[in-house]
């Protein structure tokens, strides 16, 4: 038996490594503001995204652990 797909609950994440830590706030601000400009809206639309949402570190760590668990 295969469960029904819930594709609408899948989220894409963009992670930045330690070398970009000093630019984290800048990147978050730029990405979350994309939906406020025509150019940004066009990029988001071409990706099939409505916008970016900031996720706290704890939630992201949980998602990473979940993906590791699912990739047995």
Protein backbone atom coordinates (compact mmCIF):
# COMPACT_ATOMS: atom_id res chain seq x y z
CA UNK A 1 0.00 0.00 0.00
CA UNK A 2 1.29 3.45 -0.92
CA UNK A 3 0.18 6.47 1.12
CA UNK A 4 -1.34 9.49 -0.57
CA UNK A 5 1.22 12.11 -1.49
CA UNK A 6 1.25 15.35 0.43
CA UNK A 7 3.56 17.29 -1.88
CA UNK A 8 2.22 20.57 -0.53
CA UNK A 9 3.91 19.92 2.83
CA UNK A 10 7.39 19.58 1.32
CA UNK A 11 9.63 22.56 1.89
CA UNK A 12 12.85 23.50 0.16
CA UNK A 13 15.69 24.75 2.32
CA UNK A 14 18.72 26.84 1.60
CA UNK A 15 21.57 26.25 4.02
CA UNK A 16 24.67 28.41 4.30
CA UNK A 17 27.95 27.02 5.57
CA UNK A 18 30.16 28.45 8.29
CA UNK A 19 32.09 30.66 5.88
CA UNK A 20 28.89 32.68 5.25
CA UNK A 21 27.89 33.06 8.90
CA UNK A 22 28.81 36.76 8.95
CA UNK A 23 26.38 37.38 6.05
CA UNK A 24 23.50 35.29 7.42
CA UNK A 25 21.22 38.20 8.37
CA UNK A 26 21.89 39.96 5.06
CA UNK A 27 21.00 36.85 3.05
CA UNK A 28 17.87 36.22 5.15
CA UNK A 29 16.71 39.80 4.58
CA UNK A 30 17.34 39.64 0.83
CA UNK A 31 15.60 36.30 0.38
CA UNK A 32 12.56 37.13 2.51
CA UNK A 33 12.16 40.47 0.69
CA UNK A 34 12.15 38.89 -2.78
CA UNK A 35 8.35 38.82 -2.90
CA UNK A 36 8.24 42.61 -2.57
CA UNK A 37 9.82 43.40 -5.96
CA UNK A 38 8.75 42.54 -9.50
CA UNK A 39 12.14 40.97 -10.28
CA UNK A 40 12.05 38.95 -7.06
CA UNK A 41 8.47 37.83 -7.72
CA UNK A 42 9.53 36.69 -11.19
CA UNK A 43 12.37 34.60 -9.80
CA UNK A 44 10.13 33.08 -7.13
CA UNK A 45 7.45 32.35 -9.70
CA UNK A 46 9.92 30.62 -12.02
CA UNK A 47 10.95 28.40 -9.10
CA UNK A 48 7.34 27.69 -8.19
CA UNK A 49 7.82 29.41 -4.81
CA UNK A 50 5.58 31.99 -3.18
CA UNK A 51 8.38 33.24 -0.94
CA UNK A 52 11.04 32.37 1.62
CA UNK A 53 10.42 31.84 5.32
CA UNK A 54 13.10 32.04 7.99
CA UNK A 55 13.39 28.81 9.98
CA UNK A 56 15.11 28.77 13.36
CA UNK A 57 18.20 26.62 13.91
CA UNK A 58 16.43 24.07 16.11
CA UNK A 59 13.75 23.38 13.49
CA UNK A 60 16.38 23.04 10.76
CA UNK A 61 18.43 20.60 12.86
CA UNK A 62 15.27 18.53 13.35
CA UNK A 63 14.65 18.45 9.59
CA UNK A 64 18.25 17.40 8.92
CA UNK A 65 17.99 14.61 11.51
CA UNK A 66 14.70 13.48 9.97
CA UNK A 67 16.21 13.32 6.48
CA UNK A 68 19.20 11.36 7.81
CA UNK A 69 16.79 8.90 9.44
CA UNK A 70 14.73 8.49 6.26
CA UNK A 71 17.82 7.75 4.14
CA UNK A 72 18.49 4.33 5.67
